[in-house]
């Protein structure tokens, strides 16, 4: 299952920079993950300072 970014997101952009497939982009007030592009690698979760990305 693709990762999702919770409302805990502080829009720092660390996750987007780490995503190997470019599935993360800036959304309205927080970053969002394109579920169709996500390869479920968990790289985003590993760099997030607030633990916002989670497996769906």
Protein backbone atom coordinates (compact mmCIF):
# COMPACT_ATOMS: atom_id res chain seq x y z
CA UNK A 1 0.00 0.00 0.00
CA UNK A 2 1.20 3.49 -0.80
CA UNK A 3 2.36 5.87 1.88
CA UNK A 4 0.24 8.85 2.90
CA UNK A 5 1.28 12.04 4.68
CA UNK A 6 -0.69 12.92 7.79
CA UNK A 7 -1.77 16.36 8.94
CA UNK A 8 1.31 16.39 11.20
CA UNK A 9 3.30 17.52 8.13
CA UNK A 10 5.23 20.76 8.69
CA UNK A 11 5.98 21.27 4.95
CA UNK A 12 9.74 21.06 5.36
CA UNK A 13 10.22 19.20 2.06
CA UNK A 14 12.65 16.59 3.41
CA UNK A 15 10.44 13.76 2.17
CA UNK A 16 10.14 15.12 -1.36
CA UNK A 17 13.91 15.48 -1.65
CA UNK A 18 14.40 11.87 -0.55
CA UNK A 19 11.74 10.20 -2.74
CA UNK A 20 13.52 8.14 -5.43
CA UNK A 21 10.57 8.25 -7.85
CA UNK A 22 9.41 11.85 -7.37
CA UNK A 23 6.02 10.80 -5.99
CA UNK A 24 5.87 13.59 -3.39
CA UNK A 25 4.85 17.16 -4.12
CA UNK A 26 3.78 20.23 -2.20
CA UNK A 27 0.04 20.30 -1.66
CA UNK A 28 -2.32 22.68 0.07
CA UNK A 29 -0.76 23.16 3.50
CA UNK A 30 1.18 19.88 3.48
CA UNK A 31 3.05 17.58 1.13
CA UNK A 32 1.16 14.82 -0.67
CA UNK A 33 2.15 11.46 -2.15
CA UNK A 34 0.92 10.26 -5.54
CA UNK A 35 -0.30 6.75 -4.63
CA UNK A 36 0.10 5.54 -8.22
CA UNK A 37 3.78 6.54 -8.30
CA UNK A 38 4.71 5.50 -4.74
CA UNK A 39 6.92 2.37 -4.63
CA UNK A 40 6.48 1.95 -0.87
CA UNK A 41 10.21 2.20 -0.14
CA UNK A 42 9.76 4.16 3.10
CA UNK A 43 12.54 6.64 2.33
CA UNK A 44 10.19 9.53 3.09
CA UNK A 45 9.29 8.17 6.51
CA UNK A 46 12.95 7.75 7.37
CA UNK A 47 13.79 11.43 6.91
CA UNK A 48 10.63 13.13 8.19
CA UNK A 49 11.31 15.03 11.43
CA UNK A 50 7.70 14.67 12.61
CA UNK A 51 6.84 11.18 11.33
CA UNK A 52 4.12 12.38 8.98
CA UNK A 53 4.50 9.76 6.19
CA UNK A 54 2.87 6.45 7.10
CA UNK A 55 1.99 3.26 5.27
CA UNK A 56 -1.68 3.43 4.37
